[in-house]
Amino acid sequence: MLNRTTKESKILVFFSPVEACMPHYEFFCRDCKKAFLKTLTIARHENEKIACPHCGGKNVEQRWSAFSAITTKKSA
């Protein structure tokens, strides 16, 4: 926790030990026929037209990708 004092008020800032992970999305470029992976926020994924990093084309489709989760508990 970090305390910051200003003339008007005292601000408390809490730092979380949990690391925030962004989703990974798999795409396939129809122009150059190459697959690529992008790490995007959900907002960027919904609002942004994704460009291929190989050819710059925007004729891409999202592919199904595997799901994984990191947990703190051990599974049985």
N, C-alpha and C. Protein backbone atom coordinates (compact mmCIF):
# COMPACT_ATOMS: atom_id res chain seq x y z
N MET A 1 0.84 -1.17 0.00
CA MET A 1 0.00 0.00 0.00
C MET A 1 0.89 1.24 0.00
N LEU A 2 0.49 2.23 -0.74
CA LEU A 2 1.25 3.46 -0.87
C LEU A 2 0.38 4.62 -0.41
N ASN A 3 0.88 5.42 0.48
CA ASN A 3 0.14 6.59 0.96
C ASN A 3 0.67 7.82 0.25
N ARG A 4 -0.22 8.60 -0.31
CA ARG A 4 0.16 9.86 -0.91
C ARG A 4 -0.68 10.96 -0.28
N THR A 5 -0.04 11.99 0.17
CA THR A 5 -0.75 13.08 0.82
C THR A 5 -0.69 14.31 -0.06
N THR A 6 -1.84 14.91 -0.28
CA THR A 6 -1.92 16.18 -0.99
C THR A 6 -2.44 17.22 -0.01
N LYS A 7 -2.53 18.47 -0.41
CA LYS A 7 -3.04 19.52 0.46
C LYS A 7 -4.50 19.26 0.83
N GLU A 8 -5.28 18.74 -0.12
CA GLU A 8 -6.71 18.55 0.10
C GLU A 8 -7.06 17.21 0.73
N SER A 9 -6.38 16.15 0.35
CA SER A 9 -6.79 14.84 0.81
C SER A 9 -5.62 13.87 0.84
N LYS A 10 -5.88 12.76 1.44
CA LYS A 10 -4.91 11.68 1.50
C LYS A 10 -5.40 10.57 0.57
N ILE A 11 -4.55 10.08 -0.30
CA ILE A 11 -4.92 9.06 -1.27
C ILE A 11 -4.21 7.76 -0.90
N LEU A 12 -4.96 6.69 -0.80
CA LEU A 12 -4.40 5.38 -0.55
C LEU A 12 -4.43 4.58 -1.84
N VAL A 13 -3.30 4.03 -2.22
CA VAL A 13 -3.20 3.22 -3.43
C VAL A 13 -2.82 1.82 -3.00
N PHE A 14 -3.61 0.83 -3.41
CA PHE A 14 -3.35 -0.56 -3.07
C PHE A 14 -2.78 -1.28 -4.28
N PHE A 15 -1.73 -2.05 -4.05
CA PHE A 15 -1.13 -2.85 -5.11
C PHE A 15 -1.49 -4.30 -4.88
N SER A 16 -1.98 -4.94 -5.89
CA SER A 16 -2.41 -6.33 -5.78
C SER A 16 -1.27 -7.26 -6.16
N PRO A 17 -1.06 -8.34 -5.40
CA PRO A 17 -0.02 -9.30 -5.77
C PRO A 17 -0.44 -10.20 -6.93
N VAL A 18 -1.71 -10.11 -7.37
CA VAL A 18 -2.20 -10.94 -8.45
C VAL A 18 -1.85 -10.29 -9.78
N GLU A 19 -1.30 -11.06 -10.66
CA GLU A 19 -0.93 -10.56 -11.98
C GLU A 19 -2.13 -10.64 -12.91
N ALA A 20 -2.45 -9.55 -13.59
CA ALA A 20 -3.56 -9.54 -14.52
C ALA A 20 -3.07 -10.04 -15.88
N CYS A 21 -3.78 -11.01 -16.41
CA CYS A 21 -3.40 -11.59 -17.69
C CYS A 21 -4.37 -11.14 -18.77
N MET A 22 -3.83 -10.89 -19.95
CA MET A 22 -4.67 -10.53 -21.07
C MET A 22 -4.86 -11.77 -21.95
N PRO A 23 -6.02 -11.86 -22.59
CA PRO A 23 -6.26 -13.02 -23.44
C PRO A 23 -5.39 -13.03 -24.69
N HIS A 24 -5.06 -14.24 -25.13
CA HIS A 24 -4.33 -14.45 -26.37
C HIS A 24 -5.35 -14.89 -27.42
N TYR A 25 -5.27 -14.31 -28.60
CA TYR A 25 -6.17 -14.65 -29.69
C TYR A 25 -5.36 -15.17 -30.86
N GLU A 26 -5.85 -16.20 -31.50
CA GLU A 26 -5.20 -16.75 -32.69
C GLU A 26 -5.96 -16.29 -33.93
N PHE A 27 -5.22 -15.86 -34.94
CA PHE A 27 -5.81 -15.38 -36.18
C PHE A 27 -5.16 -16.07 -37.37
N PHE A 28 -5.85 -16.05 -38.50
CA PHE A 28 -5.32 -16.57 -39.76
C PHE A 28 -5.53 -15.51 -40.82
N CYS A 29 -4.47 -15.17 -41.53
CA CYS A 29 -4.55 -14.17 -42.60
C CYS A 29 -4.93 -14.87 -43.90
N ARG A 30 -6.01 -14.45 -44.49
CA ARG A 30 -6.46 -15.04 -45.77
C ARG A 30 -5.61 -14.56 -46.94
N ASP A 31 -4.92 -13.43 -46.78
CA ASP A 31 -4.10 -12.89 -47.88
C ASP A 31 -2.77 -13.65 -48.02
N CYS A 32 -2.03 -13.80 -46.91
CA CYS A 32 -0.71 -14.45 -47.01
C CYS A 32 -0.72 -15.88 -46.48
N LYS A 33 -1.90 -16.35 -46.00
CA LYS A 33 -2.08 -17.73 -45.54
C LYS A 33 -1.19 -18.09 -44.35
N LYS A 34 -0.97 -17.14 -43.44
CA LYS A 34 -0.16 -17.40 -42.26
C LYS A 34 -0.99 -17.19 -41.00
N ALA A 35 -0.71 -17.99 -39.99
CA ALA A 35 -1.37 -17.86 -38.69
C ALA A 35 -0.50 -16.99 -37.78
N PHE A 36 -1.15 -16.28 -36.87
CA PHE A 36 -0.41 -15.47 -35.91
C PHE A 36 -1.21 -15.35 -34.63
N LEU A 37 -0.52 -14.99 -33.57
CA LEU A 37 -1.09 -14.87 -32.24
C LEU A 37 -1.00 -13.42 -31.79
N LYS A 38 -2.07 -12.90 -31.18
CA LYS A 38 -2.08 -11.53 -30.67
C LYS A 38 -2.55 -11.55 -29.23
N THR A 39 -1.93 -10.75 -28.38
CA THR A 39 -2.38 -10.55 -27.02
C THR A 39 -3.08 -9.21 -26.98
N LEU A 40 -4.38 -9.24 -26.69
CA LEU A 40 -5.19 -8.03 -26.75
C LEU A 40 -6.08 -7.92 -25.52
N THR A 41 -6.40 -6.70 -25.15
CA THR A 41 -7.44 -6.51 -24.15
C THR A 41 -8.77 -6.85 -24.82
N ILE A 42 -9.78 -7.12 -24.02
CA ILE A 42 -11.08 -7.45 -24.59
C ILE A 42 -11.62 -6.25 -25.36
N ALA A 43 -11.41 -5.04 -24.87
CA ALA A 43 -11.88 -3.83 -25.56
C ALA A 43 -11.21 -3.67 -26.92
N ARG A 44 -9.90 -3.89 -26.99
CA ARG A 44 -9.20 -3.79 -28.28
C ARG A 44 -9.68 -4.87 -29.24
N HIS A 45 -9.91 -6.07 -28.72
CA HIS A 45 -10.38 -7.16 -29.57
C HIS A 45 -11.73 -6.84 -30.19
N GLU A 46 -12.62 -6.22 -29.41
CA GLU A 46 -13.96 -5.90 -29.89
C GLU A 46 -13.98 -4.70 -30.83
N ASN A 47 -13.10 -3.73 -30.64
CA ASN A 47 -13.19 -2.46 -31.37
C ASN A 47 -12.17 -2.27 -32.48
N GLU A 48 -11.13 -3.06 -32.50
CA GLU A 48 -10.03 -2.83 -33.42
C GLU A 48 -10.05 -3.81 -34.59
N LYS A 49 -9.76 -3.33 -35.78
CA LYS A 49 -9.61 -4.19 -36.94
C LYS A 49 -8.17 -4.72 -36.90
N ILE A 50 -8.02 -6.02 -36.75
CA ILE A 50 -6.71 -6.64 -36.58
C ILE A 50 -5.99 -6.74 -37.91
N ALA A 51 -4.71 -6.36 -37.92
CA ALA A 51 -3.89 -6.44 -39.13
C ALA A 51 -2.88 -7.56 -38.98
N CYS A 52 -2.57 -8.23 -40.06
CA CYS A 52 -1.58 -9.31 -40.08
C CYS A 52 -0.18 -8.72 -39.88
N PRO A 53 0.59 -9.27 -38.94
CA PRO A 53 1.95 -8.75 -38.74
C PRO A 53 2.91 -9.14 -39.86
N HIS A 54 2.55 -10.12 -40.69
CA HIS A 54 3.42 -10.57 -41.78
C HIS A 54 3.27 -9.71 -43.04
N CYS A 55 2.00 -9.46 -43.45
CA CYS A 55 1.80 -8.72 -44.70
C CYS A 55 1.05 -7.40 -44.52
N GLY A 56 0.51 -7.16 -43.32
CA GLY A 56 -0.22 -5.93 -43.07
C GLY A 56 -1.67 -5.97 -43.51
N GLY A 57 -2.10 -7.10 -44.10
CA GLY A 57 -3.48 -7.22 -44.56
C GLY A 57 -4.46 -7.30 -43.41
N LYS A 58 -5.68 -6.84 -43.68
CA LYS A 58 -6.71 -6.87 -42.65
C LYS A 58 -7.79 -7.90 -42.97
N ASN A 59 -7.50 -8.80 -43.89
CA ASN A 59 -8.41 -9.88 -44.25
C ASN A 59 -8.08 -11.09 -43.38
N VAL A 60 -8.36 -10.97 -42.07
CA VAL A 60 -8.00 -12.01 -41.12
C VAL A 60 -9.25 -12.59 -40.48
N GLU A 61 -9.15 -13.83 -40.05
CA GLU A 61 -10.24 -14.47 -39.33
C GLU A 61 -9.69 -15.00 -38.01
N GLN A 62 -10.54 -14.96 -37.00
CA GLN A 62 -10.13 -15.48 -35.70
C GLN A 62 -10.30 -16.98 -35.70
N ARG A 63 -9.31 -17.68 -35.17
CA ARG A 63 -9.34 -19.14 -35.08
C ARG A 63 -9.70 -19.57 -33.68
N TRP A 64 -10.23 -20.77 -33.55
CA TRP A 64 -10.46 -21.35 -32.24
C TRP A 64 -9.12 -21.64 -31.62
N SER A 65 -9.00 -21.38 -30.35
CA SER A 65 -7.74 -21.64 -29.68
C SER A 65 -7.98 -22.41 -28.39
N ALA A 66 -6.93 -23.02 -27.90
CA ALA A 66 -7.02 -23.80 -26.67
C ALA A 66 -7.16 -22.86 -25.48
N PHE A 67 -7.80 -23.33 -24.45
CA PHE A 67 -8.01 -22.56 -23.24
C PHE A 67 -7.14 -23.13 -22.13
N SER A 68 -6.52 -22.25 -21.38
CA SER A 68 -5.77 -22.71 -20.21
C SER A 68 -5.99 -21.72 -19.08
N ALA A 69 -5.93 -22.24 -17.86
CA ALA A 69 -6.12 -21.37 -16.69
C ALA A 69 -5.04 -21.69 -15.67
N ILE A 70 -4.56 -20.66 -15.03
CA ILE A 70 -3.57 -20.84 -13.98
C ILE A 70 -4.31 -20.66 -12.66
N THR A 71 -4.25 -21.68 -11.82
CA THR A 71 -4.92 -21.61 -10.53
C THR A 71 -3.91 -21.83 -9.41
N THR A 72 -4.34 -21.51 -8.21
CA THR A 72 -3.46 -21.71 -7.07
C THR A 72 -3.69 -23.03 -6.38
N LYS A 73 -4.81 -23.68 -6.70
CA LYS A 73 -5.13 -24.97 -6.08
C LYS A 73 -4.69 -26.11 -6.97
N LYS A 74 -4.25 -27.20 -6.34
CA LYS A 74 -3.86 -28.38 -7.11
C LYS A 74 -5.11 -29.19 -7.42
N SER A 75 -5.17 -29.72 -8.63
CA SER A 75 -6.32 -30.54 -8.99
C SER A 75 -6.08 -31.96 -8.54
N ALA A 76 -7.16 -32.69 -8.34
CA ALA A 76 -7.07 -34.05 -7.84
C ALA A 76 -6.74 -35.04 -8.93
